[in-house]
Every structure is written in structure tokens, then in C-alpha cells.
N, C-alpha and C. Protein backbone atom coordinates (compact mmCIF):
# COMPACT_ATOMS: atom_id res chain seq x y z
N MET A 1 99.07 -2.35 147.70
CA MET A 1 98.91 -2.76 146.13
C MET A 1 100.32 -1.98 145.69
N ILE A 2 100.77 -0.87 146.17
CA ILE A 2 101.88 0.08 145.97
C ILE A 2 103.10 -1.03 145.82
N LYS A 3 103.45 -1.95 146.83
CA LYS A 3 104.30 -3.13 146.40
C LYS A 3 104.63 -3.36 145.66
N PHE A 4 103.18 -4.21 144.95
CA PHE A 4 103.09 -4.55 143.69
C PHE A 4 103.57 -4.05 142.72
N PHE A 5 102.83 -2.66 142.31
CA PHE A 5 103.51 -2.20 141.36
C PHE A 5 104.86 -1.32 141.29
N VAL A 6 105.68 -1.09 142.21
CA VAL A 6 107.27 -0.85 142.98
C VAL A 6 107.80 -2.18 142.25
N SER A 7 106.96 -3.66 142.90
CA SER A 7 108.15 -4.94 142.28
C SER A 7 107.94 -4.88 140.97
N ILE A 8 106.78 -4.51 140.06
CA ILE A 8 107.21 -4.89 138.86
C ILE A 8 107.88 -3.61 138.61
N LEU A 9 107.97 -2.32 138.83
CA LEU A 9 108.80 -1.32 138.11
C LEU A 9 110.61 -2.12 138.45
N LEU A 10 110.83 -2.09 139.31
CA LEU A 10 112.02 -2.87 140.09
C LEU A 10 112.56 -3.75 139.18
N ILE A 11 111.19 -4.97 139.13
CA ILE A 11 111.79 -6.89 138.19
C ILE A 11 112.97 -5.85 137.02
N ALA A 12 111.43 -5.34 136.32
CA ALA A 12 111.83 -4.75 134.62
C ALA A 12 112.92 -3.83 134.81
N LEU A 13 113.21 -3.09 135.52
CA LEU A 13 114.60 -1.78 135.60
C LEU A 13 115.25 -3.03 135.70
N LEU A 14 115.76 -4.07 136.95
CA LEU A 14 116.70 -4.71 137.10
C LEU A 14 117.02 -5.59 135.88
N SER A 15 116.00 -6.31 135.75
CA SER A 15 116.08 -7.05 134.43
C SER A 15 116.47 -6.81 132.95
N PHE A 16 116.44 -5.00 132.88
CA PHE A 16 117.02 -4.79 131.76
C PHE A 16 117.95 -4.65 131.61
N ILE A 17 118.61 -4.04 133.08
CA ILE A 17 120.06 -3.98 133.23
C ILE A 17 120.50 -5.20 133.08
N CYS A 18 120.31 -6.30 133.77
CA CYS A 18 121.16 -7.64 133.62
C CYS A 18 121.10 -7.81 132.50
N GLY A 19 120.37 -7.82 131.74
CA GLY A 19 119.97 -8.09 130.35
C GLY A 19 121.05 -7.54 129.67
N LEU A 20 121.44 -6.42 130.11
CA LEU A 20 122.13 -5.88 128.88
C LEU A 20 124.01 -6.18 129.44
N PHE A 21 124.28 -7.78 130.28
CA PHE A 21 125.55 -7.87 130.55
C PHE A 21 125.48 -8.94 130.92
N LEU A 22 124.33 -9.26 131.55
CA LEU A 22 124.67 -10.80 131.17
C LEU A 22 123.89 -11.76 130.89
N PRO A 23 123.94 -13.25 130.85
CA PRO A 23 122.85 -14.16 130.05
C PRO A 23 121.14 -14.01 129.63
N TRP A 24 120.56 -14.32 129.46
CA TRP A 24 118.66 -13.93 129.46
C TRP A 24 118.23 -14.65 130.60
N TRP A 25 119.01 -15.36 131.07
CA TRP A 25 118.60 -16.34 132.52
C TRP A 25 118.49 -15.26 133.95
N SER A 26 119.46 -14.26 133.54
CA SER A 26 119.73 -13.42 134.42
C SER A 26 118.00 -12.86 135.27
N ILE A 27 117.55 -13.02 134.00
CA ILE A 27 115.88 -12.40 134.21
C ILE A 27 115.56 -12.56 135.54
N ALA A 28 115.85 -14.13 135.76
CA ALA A 28 115.17 -14.95 137.05
C ALA A 28 115.76 -14.65 138.27
N ILE A 29 117.34 -14.40 138.09
CA ILE A 29 117.86 -13.74 139.32
C ILE A 29 117.12 -12.65 139.56
N ALA A 30 117.01 -11.43 139.07
CA ALA A 30 116.91 -10.10 139.15
C ALA A 30 115.14 -10.28 139.64
N ALA A 31 114.12 -10.83 139.13
CA ALA A 31 112.98 -11.23 139.85
C ALA A 31 112.93 -11.79 141.29
N PHE A 32 114.06 -12.75 141.30
CA PHE A 32 113.99 -13.70 142.68
C PHE A 32 114.51 -12.44 143.85
N VAL A 33 115.48 -11.41 143.16
CA VAL A 33 116.13 -10.20 144.32
C VAL A 33 115.13 -9.74 144.76
N VAL A 34 114.29 -9.01 143.80
CA VAL A 34 113.05 -7.83 144.37
C VAL A 34 112.24 -8.57 144.62
N SER A 35 112.44 -9.52 144.89
CA SER A 35 110.81 -10.45 145.54
C SER A 35 111.24 -10.61 146.79
N ALA A 36 112.22 -11.02 146.93
CA ALA A 36 113.01 -11.43 148.30
C ALA A 36 113.00 -9.95 149.26
N LEU A 37 113.19 -8.94 148.78
CA LEU A 37 113.59 -7.93 149.48
C LEU A 37 112.42 -7.06 149.37
N ILE A 38 111.35 -6.87 148.65
CA ILE A 38 109.77 -6.96 148.87
C ILE A 38 108.72 -7.65 148.87
N PRO A 39 108.16 -8.34 150.40
CA PRO A 39 107.75 -9.39 150.61
C PRO A 39 106.43 -8.92 150.37
N GLN A 40 105.98 -10.45 149.31
CA GLN A 40 104.68 -10.63 148.83
C GLN A 40 103.82 -11.88 149.30
N ARG A 41 102.65 -12.22 149.24
CA ARG A 41 101.77 -12.72 149.12
C ARG A 41 102.53 -13.76 147.76
N PRO A 42 102.88 -15.11 147.62
CA PRO A 42 103.16 -15.97 146.41
C PRO A 42 102.85 -15.78 145.43
N LEU A 43 101.60 -15.54 145.36
CA LEU A 43 100.78 -15.47 144.01
C LEU A 43 100.78 -14.15 143.25
N ARG A 44 100.96 -12.86 144.01
CA ARG A 44 101.25 -11.71 144.23
C ARG A 44 102.77 -11.30 143.86
N ALA A 45 103.58 -11.97 144.35
CA ALA A 45 105.24 -12.01 143.86
C ALA A 45 104.58 -12.42 142.32
N PHE A 46 104.10 -13.93 141.93
CA PHE A 46 104.59 -13.99 140.57
C PHE A 46 103.88 -13.25 139.60
N PHE A 47 102.55 -12.85 140.20
CA PHE A 47 101.69 -11.88 138.71
C PHE A 47 102.82 -10.63 138.77
N ALA A 48 103.79 -10.41 140.00
CA ALA A 48 104.43 -8.93 139.94
C ALA A 48 105.65 -9.04 139.20
N GLY A 49 106.48 -10.63 138.97
CA GLY A 49 107.17 -11.01 137.80
C GLY A 49 106.89 -11.28 136.73
N PHE A 50 105.85 -12.00 136.59
CA PHE A 50 105.60 -11.97 134.88
C PHE A 50 104.89 -10.90 134.22
N VAL A 51 104.38 -10.03 134.64
CA VAL A 51 103.46 -8.98 134.40
C VAL A 51 104.92 -7.96 133.79
N ALA A 52 105.96 -7.95 134.81
CA ALA A 52 107.16 -7.37 134.30
C ALA A 52 107.66 -8.03 133.20
N LEU A 53 108.17 -9.18 133.25
CA LEU A 53 108.81 -9.54 132.24
C LEU A 53 108.33 -9.86 131.12
N PHE A 54 106.56 -9.96 131.31
CA PHE A 54 105.86 -10.25 129.22
C PHE A 54 106.23 -8.41 129.14
N LEU A 55 105.53 -7.11 129.86
CA LEU A 55 105.95 -6.13 129.33
C LEU A 55 106.97 -6.12 128.52
N LEU A 56 108.53 -6.20 129.26
CA LEU A 56 109.71 -5.79 129.32
C LEU A 56 109.94 -6.84 127.81
N TRP A 57 110.09 -7.85 127.92
CA TRP A 57 110.67 -8.80 126.67
C TRP A 57 109.44 -8.82 125.71
N GLY A 58 107.85 -8.48 125.62
CA GLY A 58 106.99 -8.21 124.32
C GLY A 58 107.54 -6.85 124.12
N GLY A 59 108.18 -5.80 124.81
CA GLY A 59 108.35 -4.54 124.15
C GLY A 59 109.56 -4.25 123.28
N LEU A 60 110.38 -5.06 124.09
CA LEU A 60 111.50 -5.19 123.49
C LEU A 60 111.39 -6.01 122.48
N ALA A 61 111.00 -6.94 122.06
CA ALA A 61 110.73 -7.56 121.19
C ALA A 61 109.85 -7.23 119.89
N THR A 62 108.58 -6.03 120.32
CA THR A 62 108.01 -5.33 119.56
C THR A 62 109.20 -4.25 119.17
N TYR A 63 109.92 -3.92 119.56
CA TYR A 63 110.54 -2.17 119.44
C TYR A 63 111.57 -3.25 118.20
N PHE A 64 112.20 -4.50 119.02
CA PHE A 64 113.03 -4.52 117.56
C PHE A 64 112.63 -4.95 116.43
N ASP A 65 111.47 -5.78 116.20
CA ASP A 65 110.47 -6.07 115.25
C ASP A 65 110.09 -5.01 114.52
N MET A 66 110.08 -4.13 114.98
CA MET A 66 109.44 -2.67 114.28
C MET A 66 111.10 -2.20 113.48
N ALA A 67 111.95 -2.36 113.64
CA ALA A 67 113.06 -1.69 113.52
C ALA A 67 113.47 -2.60 111.98
N ASN A 68 113.05 -3.61 111.86
CA ASN A 68 113.62 -3.94 110.38
C ASN A 68 112.15 -4.96 109.70
N ASN A 69 110.69 -3.62 110.20
CA ASN A 69 109.26 -4.03 109.29
C ASN A 69 108.79 -5.76 109.51
N SER A 70 108.92 -5.77 110.45
CA SER A 70 108.43 -7.85 110.85
C SER A 70 109.24 -8.83 109.89
N ILE A 71 110.51 -8.44 109.21
CA ILE A 71 110.91 -9.48 108.29
C ILE A 71 111.37 -10.76 108.62
N LEU A 72 112.08 -10.42 109.74
CA LEU A 72 112.75 -11.74 110.69
C LEU A 72 111.82 -12.37 111.46
N SER A 73 111.01 -11.75 112.30
CA SER A 73 109.92 -12.55 113.07
C SER A 73 109.54 -13.25 112.37
N ALA A 74 108.75 -12.22 110.78
CA ALA A 74 107.98 -13.38 109.85
C ALA A 74 108.65 -14.63 109.73
N ARG A 75 109.97 -14.44 109.29
CA ARG A 75 110.13 -15.54 109.21
C ARG A 75 110.73 -16.84 110.08
N VAL A 76 110.87 -16.27 111.27
CA VAL A 76 110.97 -17.01 112.37
C VAL A 76 109.66 -17.56 112.63
N ALA A 77 108.72 -17.03 112.58
CA ALA A 77 107.44 -17.36 112.84
C ALA A 77 107.02 -18.90 111.66
N GLY A 78 107.18 -18.67 110.57
CA GLY A 78 107.11 -19.29 109.86
C GLY A 78 108.52 -20.66 110.06
N MET A 79 109.38 -20.50 110.64
CA MET A 79 110.12 -21.94 111.30
C MET A 79 109.74 -22.52 112.36
N VAL A 80 109.05 -21.90 113.41
CA VAL A 80 108.23 -22.63 114.65
C VAL A 80 106.72 -22.53 114.88
N TYR A 81 106.11 -22.97 113.53
CA TYR A 81 104.82 -23.25 113.01
C TYR A 81 103.71 -22.24 113.40
N LEU A 82 104.43 -20.91 113.76
CA LEU A 82 103.46 -19.76 114.00
C LEU A 82 102.53 -19.47 112.70
N HIS A 83 102.83 -20.08 111.33
CA HIS A 83 102.09 -19.36 110.41
C HIS A 83 102.33 -17.99 109.77
N GLY A 84 103.77 -17.80 110.10
CA GLY A 84 104.42 -16.51 109.61
C GLY A 84 104.00 -15.39 110.66
N SER A 85 103.20 -15.64 111.35
CA SER A 85 102.45 -14.78 112.47
C SER A 85 103.61 -13.84 113.11
N SER A 86 103.79 -12.26 112.68
CA SER A 86 104.64 -12.01 113.84
C SER A 86 104.21 -11.51 115.15
N VAL A 87 102.71 -11.35 115.19
CA VAL A 87 102.39 -10.69 116.55
C VAL A 87 102.48 -12.31 117.04
N ALA A 88 102.17 -12.96 117.07
CA ALA A 88 102.16 -14.37 118.00
C ALA A 88 103.45 -14.63 117.98
N LEU A 89 104.46 -14.40 117.59
CA LEU A 89 105.92 -14.78 118.31
C LEU A 89 106.57 -13.77 118.87
N LEU A 90 105.88 -12.74 118.47
CA LEU A 90 106.02 -11.49 120.37
C LEU A 90 105.31 -11.44 120.90
N VAL A 91 103.96 -12.40 120.98
CA VAL A 91 103.34 -13.00 122.40
C VAL A 91 104.05 -14.19 122.99
N VAL A 92 104.64 -15.31 121.69
CA VAL A 92 104.95 -16.28 122.43
C VAL A 92 106.21 -15.71 123.37
N THR A 93 106.80 -14.66 122.61
CA THR A 93 108.58 -14.08 123.97
C THR A 93 107.87 -13.49 124.62
N GLY A 94 107.13 -12.63 125.04
CA GLY A 94 106.99 -12.19 126.13
C GLY A 94 106.49 -12.90 127.21
N PHE A 95 105.61 -14.48 126.80
CA PHE A 95 104.94 -14.88 127.42
C PHE A 95 106.37 -16.39 128.11
N ILE A 96 107.48 -16.22 127.60
CA ILE A 96 108.49 -17.26 127.81
C ILE A 96 109.07 -15.84 128.67
N GLY A 97 109.26 -14.88 128.81
CA GLY A 97 109.86 -14.06 129.25
C GLY A 97 109.02 -14.25 130.80
N ALA A 98 108.35 -14.03 130.55
CA ALA A 98 107.32 -13.81 131.98
C ALA A 98 107.30 -14.95 132.72
N LEU A 99 107.32 -16.21 131.99
CA LEU A 99 107.42 -17.53 132.96
C LEU A 99 108.34 -17.14 133.99
N VAL A 100 109.38 -16.83 132.83
CA VAL A 100 111.23 -16.80 133.75
C VAL A 100 110.95 -16.16 134.92
N GLY A 101 110.09 -15.01 134.52
CA GLY A 101 110.44 -13.69 135.70
C GLY A 101 109.52 -14.23 136.67
N GLY A 102 107.92 -14.61 136.62
CA GLY A 102 107.44 -15.50 137.82
C GLY A 102 108.23 -16.52 138.19
N GLY A 103 108.62 -17.51 137.67
CA GLY A 103 109.28 -18.85 138.29
C GLY A 103 110.14 -17.64 139.81
N GLY A 104 110.94 -17.03 139.24
CA GLY A 104 111.79 -16.39 139.62
C GLY A 104 111.13 -15.31 141.18
N SER A 105 110.14 -15.05 140.87
CA SER A 105 109.72 -14.45 141.93
C SER A 105 109.09 -15.18 142.44
N LEU A 106 108.59 -15.95 142.33
CA LEU A 106 107.02 -17.11 143.05
C LEU A 106 108.20 -17.83 143.80
N THR A 107 109.28 -18.22 143.59
CA THR A 107 110.45 -18.96 144.15
C THR A 107 111.24 -17.94 145.76
N ALA A 108 110.86 -16.72 145.25
CA ALA A 108 111.80 -15.73 146.30
C ALA A 108 110.21 -15.87 146.99
N ALA A 109 109.14 -15.74 147.03
CA ALA A 109 107.91 -15.44 147.99
C ALA A 109 107.84 -16.79 148.92
N PHE A 110 108.49 -18.17 147.87
CA PHE A 110 108.27 -19.63 149.00
C PHE A 110 109.12 -19.25 150.05
N LEU A 111 110.56 -18.77 149.70
CA LEU A 111 111.73 -19.26 150.73
C LEU A 111 111.63 -18.27 151.58
N ARG A 112 110.57 -16.81 151.57
CA ARG A 112 110.70 -15.91 152.79
C ARG A 112 109.44 -16.89 153.63
N LYS A 113 108.79 -17.67 153.22
CA LYS A 113 107.71 -17.83 154.12
C LYS A 113 108.66 -19.40 154.67
């Protein structure tokens, strides 16, 4: 269980650092590297990457959304058929990042087998 929480923390930290200098998809590489170094079962590895990136991307999206009083996110949500719901856009953003991170972690777990 400790490996699970350490993986979540390391994936989020490495993904944040990679996101500062590399393209957005570098989060999958960060999740892959951490899951390759910390062996876990595939399902646990997937959820570690999923939770880490959901919290990271959802948190960052919320932080930037609050900085402009949800003006931009409400307009974007209206364009992507979310009926102007800023919260729905933030959840979708976190979910997309979570799927990418979970996929990177799951790939590493399967390669270890």
C-alpha cells in the first residue's frame, strides 16, 4: 500500500516537472518511468497513474480557472457542448490526463511481466 501512495506522489511530481519543459504527453512517460521503477500489479499501477494525473491536472486546471474567475472555462465549455459548465470542463480535463497517466503506468506494469 505504501508503494501505491509513493507511486502517486512520484508520478504527480515528475509529471509536473516534465510538464514545465516538455509537451503535454510527457506525463505518460513520467508515469511509465515511475511504474517501471516501482513494481506493482497492473491494476494498482493503472490506478496510481490515474489518481496522480487526475489530481494533478484537475488541480492545475482549477487553479488556473480560479485565477480568471471561470470566464475562459465557461466559454470553452460552451464550445464543447458542456452547456457552459466550468466544473464539467475541469472534470473532463482531469479525466483526460488521468487516462493518459493510467495508460503509461499500465504499459510499464505489463512490460515488467
